[in-house]
């Protein structure tokens, strides 16, 4: 998808110089900069919410994960 942006002449000149030195295009440099910006500013998944998922879980009687697992396995035929 094409996007039109306005950049000051000094930034365009710097981009062109960096692109030439890297052997790439100005557009490739801008795509890389946007990719890095998005990577750096996109919040990581909140994995902390997954820790202790079973703690205080009233749906399963408040039992811990290991007890729940053992109870389920006891239902399997031997």
Protein backbone atom coordinates (compact mmCIF):
# COMPACT_ATOMS: atom_id res chain seq x y z
CA UNK A 1 0.00 0.00 0.00
CA UNK A 2 1.29 3.42 -0.83
CA UNK A 3 1.33 6.19 1.73
CA UNK A 4 2.26 9.81 1.22
CA UNK A 5 4.22 11.52 4.00
CA UNK A 6 5.89 14.91 4.26
CA UNK A 7 9.46 14.99 5.51
CA UNK A 8 11.81 17.96 5.79
CA UNK A 9 14.46 18.23 3.07
CA UNK A 10 17.23 17.52 5.60
CA UNK A 11 15.65 14.18 6.53
CA UNK A 12 15.21 13.23 2.88
CA UNK A 13 18.87 14.05 2.20
CA UNK A 14 19.98 11.97 5.18
CA UNK A 15 17.74 9.07 4.14
CA UNK A 16 19.14 9.19 0.61
CA UNK A 17 22.71 9.22 1.92
CA UNK A 18 22.04 6.28 4.27
CA UNK A 19 20.23 4.35 1.53
CA UNK A 20 23.13 4.81 -0.90
CA UNK A 21 25.61 3.66 1.74
CA UNK A 22 23.47 0.60 2.51
CA UNK A 23 22.86 -0.14 -1.17
CA UNK A 24 19.12 0.09 -0.79
CA UNK A 25 16.27 2.47 -1.54
CA UNK A 26 14.81 5.32 0.45
CA UNK A 27 11.50 3.42 0.61
CA UNK A 28 13.27 0.36 2.07
CA UNK A 29 14.88 2.55 4.72
CA UNK A 30 11.51 4.04 5.66
CA UNK A 31 9.89 0.58 5.81
CA UNK A 32 12.69 -0.60 8.12
CA UNK A 33 12.28 2.47 10.35
CA UNK A 34 8.51 1.93 10.61
CA UNK A 35 9.01 -1.80 11.33
CA UNK A 36 11.46 -0.98 14.14
CA UNK A 37 9.17 1.72 15.54
CA UNK A 38 6.19 -0.63 15.60
CA UNK A 39 8.27 -3.42 17.17
CA UNK A 40 9.55 -1.10 19.89
CA UNK A 41 6.20 0.49 20.68
CA UNK A 42 3.89 -2.51 20.40
CA UNK A 43 3.23 -3.79 23.89
CA UNK A 44 4.27 -7.34 24.58
CA UNK A 45 1.52 -9.80 25.49
CA UNK A 46 0.68 -9.56 29.16
CA UNK A 47 2.03 -12.95 30.19
CA UNK A 48 1.90 -11.98 33.86
CA UNK A 49 -1.87 -12.45 33.80
CA UNK A 50 -1.38 -16.13 32.92
CA UNK A 51 0.75 -16.84 35.98
CA UNK A 52 -1.31 -18.08 38.90
CA UNK A 53 -4.27 -18.71 36.63
CA UNK A 54 -5.53 -21.44 38.93
CA UNK A 55 -5.04 -19.41 42.10
CA UNK A 56 -8.37 -18.78 43.74
CA UNK A 57 -10.21 -20.31 40.79
CA UNK A 58 -13.69 -20.87 42.21
CA UNK A 59 -14.95 -22.57 39.05
CA UNK A 60 -12.72 -25.55 39.84
CA UNK A 61 -13.21 -25.48 43.59
CA UNK A 62 -10.06 -23.46 44.21
CA UNK A 63 -7.84 -26.52 43.78
CA UNK A 64 -4.38 -26.01 42.43
CA UNK A 65 -3.45 -27.01 38.90
CA UNK A 66 -1.60 -30.18 39.88
CA UNK A 67 -4.50 -31.45 42.00
CA UNK A 68 -6.91 -30.71 39.15
CA UNK A 69 -4.66 -32.59 36.72
CA UNK A 70 -4.37 -35.60 39.02
CA UNK A 71 -8.14 -35.68 39.57
CA UNK A 72 -8.76 -35.71 35.83
CA UNK A 73 -6.15 -38.44 35.25
CA UNK A 74 -7.76 -40.59 37.96
CA UNK A 75 -10.82 -40.73 35.71
CA UNK A 76 -8.84 -42.46 32.95
CA UNK A 77 -9.09 -46.23 32.67
CA UNK A 78 -6.05 -48.02 34.03
